[in-house]
Amino acid sequence: MKVFYNCYGGTHTSVAAAALHTGRLDPRRPPRVRDIVGLPLFDRVPTEDIGLAFPYGRGPDGEDVFVIGFGPGKTVIKRAVTSFLELKGVCAEDYLFVDALPRATWAIKVGGTLSRRLGLVPLGRLLAAWGVQRAYDRLVSLVEETRAKVRRRRGGASLTVPSRGG
C-alpha cells in the first residue's frame, strides 16, 4: 500500500500529515514550532519540484508514505500519477491519495506564500509552522481517517503496536 499526502506545494500540510502518519510527530500532543520546522521537507520543497513524489517513511501497518505537491494542476498531476501507477501494474486498491489542503489554516497558506513564493523564508516558515500547530487536531483526524482506510483496504489486518497507556 502506498499513501500519497498531497497539498499545494507538498511542503507544509502534507509534510505535517505524513510526519504524523509515520510517527515523527506525536498525535497526543501538539509539537513545538521548532519540531515542525525541523521535519524533513518542511518548507524545503522548491516550486520546481511540484509534482514529484517524495518518500516520507512507513506507516504503522507497513504502508509506504509519500508527500507530493499538486500545485495549480491538481487534477492533471493526480491523473498523471494514477496513470503511471496503473502502467506499472499497481492496482488502484494499493494506493491512496489524501488531500491535506482542506486542513490547512490561513497561517499555513500565507506562510507558504511568504516563504516559497516571495523568498521571505524565516518569516514564512515560522508562520506556516505556527499554522500547523493551530491545525493539529484536524491533521491528527485526517491521519486517523487515512490509517483506517489503509486497514480496511488490507482487510482489517494491522501490524500496529498498541501505544503505552492506552
Protein backbone atom coordinates (compact mmCIF):
# COMPACT_ATOMS: atom_id res chain seq x y z
CA MET A 1 0.00 0.00 0.00
CA LYS A 2 1.20 3.49 -0.90
CA VAL A 3 -0.23 6.62 0.71
CA PHE A 4 0.33 9.98 -1.00
CA TYR A 5 -0.38 13.00 1.19
CA ASN A 6 -0.81 15.97 -1.09
CA CYS A 7 -1.34 19.70 -0.80
CA TYR A 8 -0.49 22.67 -3.00
CA GLY A 9 3.30 22.71 -2.68
CA GLY A 10 3.92 19.38 -0.94
CA THR A 11 5.90 21.09 1.77
CA HIS A 12 3.64 22.15 4.65
CA THR A 13 0.28 20.48 5.34
CA SER A 14 1.15 17.26 3.51
CA VAL A 15 4.51 17.04 5.30
CA ALA A 16 2.88 17.52 8.72
CA ALA A 17 0.29 14.82 7.92
CA ALA A 18 2.98 12.43 6.65
CA ALA A 19 5.06 13.12 9.79
CA LEU A 20 2.07 12.19 11.94
CA HIS A 21 1.38 9.08 9.87
CA THR A 22 4.97 7.84 10.11
CA GLY A 23 5.35 8.59 13.83
CA ARG A 24 7.68 11.58 13.53
CA LEU A 25 5.07 13.66 15.35
CA ASP A 26 3.08 12.52 18.38
CA PRO A 27 -0.69 12.72 17.80
CA ARG A 28 -1.31 13.07 21.55
CA ARG A 29 0.32 16.49 21.87
CA PRO A 30 0.84 19.43 19.53
CA PRO A 31 4.50 19.83 18.55
CA ARG A 32 6.62 22.89 19.20
CA VAL A 33 7.29 25.21 16.27
CA ARG A 34 10.92 24.10 16.20
CA ASP A 35 9.83 20.44 15.95
CA ILE A 36 7.68 21.27 12.93
CA VAL A 37 10.37 23.39 11.28
CA GLY A 38 12.84 20.53 11.81
CA LEU A 39 10.73 17.97 9.95
CA PRO A 40 12.29 16.57 6.78
CA LEU A 41 10.99 18.53 3.75
CA PHE A 42 9.01 21.05 5.83
CA ASP A 43 9.11 24.29 3.84
CA ARG A 44 12.02 22.94 1.81
CA VAL A 45 10.45 21.65 -1.41
CA PRO A 46 11.20 24.16 -4.18
CA THR A 47 8.41 25.23 -6.52
CA GLU A 48 10.06 23.48 -9.47
CA ASP A 49 9.62 20.15 -7.62
CA ILE A 50 5.82 20.38 -7.52
CA GLY A 51 4.52 17.12 -8.97
CA LEU A 52 7.38 14.99 -7.66
CA ALA A 53 6.58 12.40 -5.00
CA PHE A 54 8.99 12.27 -2.08
CA PRO A 55 9.21 9.17 0.16
CA TYR A 56 8.49 10.01 3.81
CA GLY A 57 8.70 6.65 5.54
CA ARG A 58 6.44 3.80 6.54
CA GLY A 59 3.19 3.81 8.42
CA PRO A 60 2.27 1.55 11.33
CA ASP A 61 0.74 -1.05 9.01
CA GLY A 62 3.77 -1.19 6.70
CA GLU A 63 2.41 1.22 4.11
CA ASP A 64 4.81 3.47 2.20
CA VAL A 65 4.08 7.15 2.82
CA PHE A 66 4.88 9.92 0.33
CA VAL A 67 4.32 13.66 0.05
CA ILE A 68 3.56 15.41 -3.21
CA GLY A 69 2.58 18.92 -4.23
CA PHE A 70 -0.10 19.18 -6.89
CA GLY A 71 0.15 22.94 -7.38
CA PRO A 72 -2.49 24.57 -9.57
CA GLY A 73 -2.70 21.43 -11.73
CA LYS A 74 -4.18 19.21 -9.04
CA THR A 75 -6.39 17.20 -11.39
CA VAL A 76 -3.78 16.80 -14.13
CA ILE A 77 -0.99 15.73 -11.78
CA LYS A 78 -3.22 13.27 -9.94
CA ARG A 79 -4.27 11.76 -13.28
CA ALA A 80 -0.64 11.54 -14.40
CA VAL A 81 0.48 9.79 -11.22
CA THR A 82 -2.53 7.48 -11.31
CA SER A 83 -1.91 6.51 -14.94
CA PHE A 84 1.79 5.90 -14.23
CA LEU A 85 0.94 3.61 -11.32
CA GLU A 86 -1.56 1.73 -13.46
CA LEU A 87 1.01 1.36 -16.27
CA LYS A 88 3.40 -0.10 -13.69
CA GLY A 89 0.75 -2.64 -12.71
CA VAL A 90 -0.15 -1.09 -9.36
CA CYS A 91 -3.80 -1.84 -8.56
CA ALA A 92 -5.95 1.16 -7.60
CA GLU A 93 -6.62 -0.51 -4.23
CA ASP A 94 -2.88 -0.40 -3.46
CA TYR A 95 -2.54 3.38 -3.33
CA LEU A 96 -4.40 6.21 -1.71
CA PHE A 97 -4.28 9.95 -2.39
CA VAL A 98 -5.02 12.04 0.69
CA ASP A 99 -5.73 15.73 0.16
CA ALA A 100 -4.34 17.56 3.17
CA LEU A 101 -5.00 21.05 1.77
CA PRO A 102 -8.54 21.37 3.21
CA ARG A 103 -6.99 21.04 6.69
CA ALA A 104 -4.63 23.98 6.10
CA THR A 105 -5.16 27.17 8.08
CA TRP A 106 -4.79 30.67 6.69
CA ALA A 107 -1.43 30.86 8.50
CA ILE A 108 -0.09 27.82 6.63
CA LYS A 109 -1.22 29.27 3.30
CA VAL A 110 0.14 32.75 3.95
CA GLY A 111 3.34 31.36 5.47
CA GLY A 112 3.86 29.11 2.46
CA THR A 113 3.36 32.02 0.07
CA LEU A 114 5.76 34.22 2.01
CA SER A 115 8.43 31.54 2.16
CA ARG A 116 8.15 29.66 -1.14
CA ARG A 117 6.96 32.42 -3.50
CA LEU A 118 8.24 35.65 -2.02
CA GLY A 119 11.51 34.37 -0.55
CA LEU A 120 10.75 35.57 2.98
CA VAL A 121 11.79 32.18 4.31
CA PRO A 122 12.34 32.82 8.06
CA LEU A 123 9.03 34.65 8.49
CA GLY A 124 7.04 32.37 6.20
CA ARG A 125 8.44 29.16 7.67
CA LEU A 126 7.63 30.20 11.24
CA LEU A 127 4.12 31.34 10.28
CA ALA A 128 3.44 28.06 8.45
CA ALA A 129 4.71 26.05 11.44
CA TRP A 130 2.51 28.09 13.78
CA GLY A 131 -0.39 27.33 11.43
CA VAL A 132 0.35 23.60 11.66
CA GLN A 133 0.10 23.89 15.45
CA ARG A 134 -3.31 25.54 15.09
CA ALA A 135 -4.50 22.86 12.63
CA TYR A 136 -3.02 19.97 14.59
CA ASP A 137 -6.27 18.36 15.73
CA ARG A 138 -7.59 18.47 12.15
CA LEU A 139 -4.37 16.87 10.86
CA VAL A 140 -4.50 14.15 13.52
CA SER A 141 -8.08 13.43 12.48
CA LEU A 142 -7.07 13.24 8.80
CA VAL A 143 -4.29 10.76 9.59
CA GLU A 144 -6.59 8.62 11.75
CA GLU A 145 -9.12 8.50 8.89
CA THR A 146 -6.35 7.59 6.44
CA ARG A 147 -4.98 4.81 8.65
CA ALA A 148 -8.50 3.39 8.95
CA LYS A 149 -8.83 3.38 5.14
CA VAL A 150 -5.48 1.61 4.84
CA ARG A 151 -6.63 -1.07 7.29
CA ARG A 152 -9.98 -1.51 5.51
CA ARG A 153 -8.23 -1.93 2.17
CA ARG A 154 -5.97 -4.52 3.73
CA GLY A 155 -8.92 -6.43 5.08
CA GLY A 156 -8.53 -5.24 8.65
CA ALA A 157 -5.08 -6.73 9.19
CA SER A 158 -2.96 -4.45 11.32
CA LEU A 159 0.63 -4.51 12.44
CA THR A 160 0.04 -1.64 14.84
CA VAL A 161 1.65 -2.00 18.24
CA PRO A 162 -0.62 -0.68 21.00
CA SER A 163 0.56 2.60 22.47
CA ARG A 164 1.70 2.80 26.07
CA GLY A 165 -1.05 3.56 28.49
CA GLY A 166 -3.87 3.02 26.11
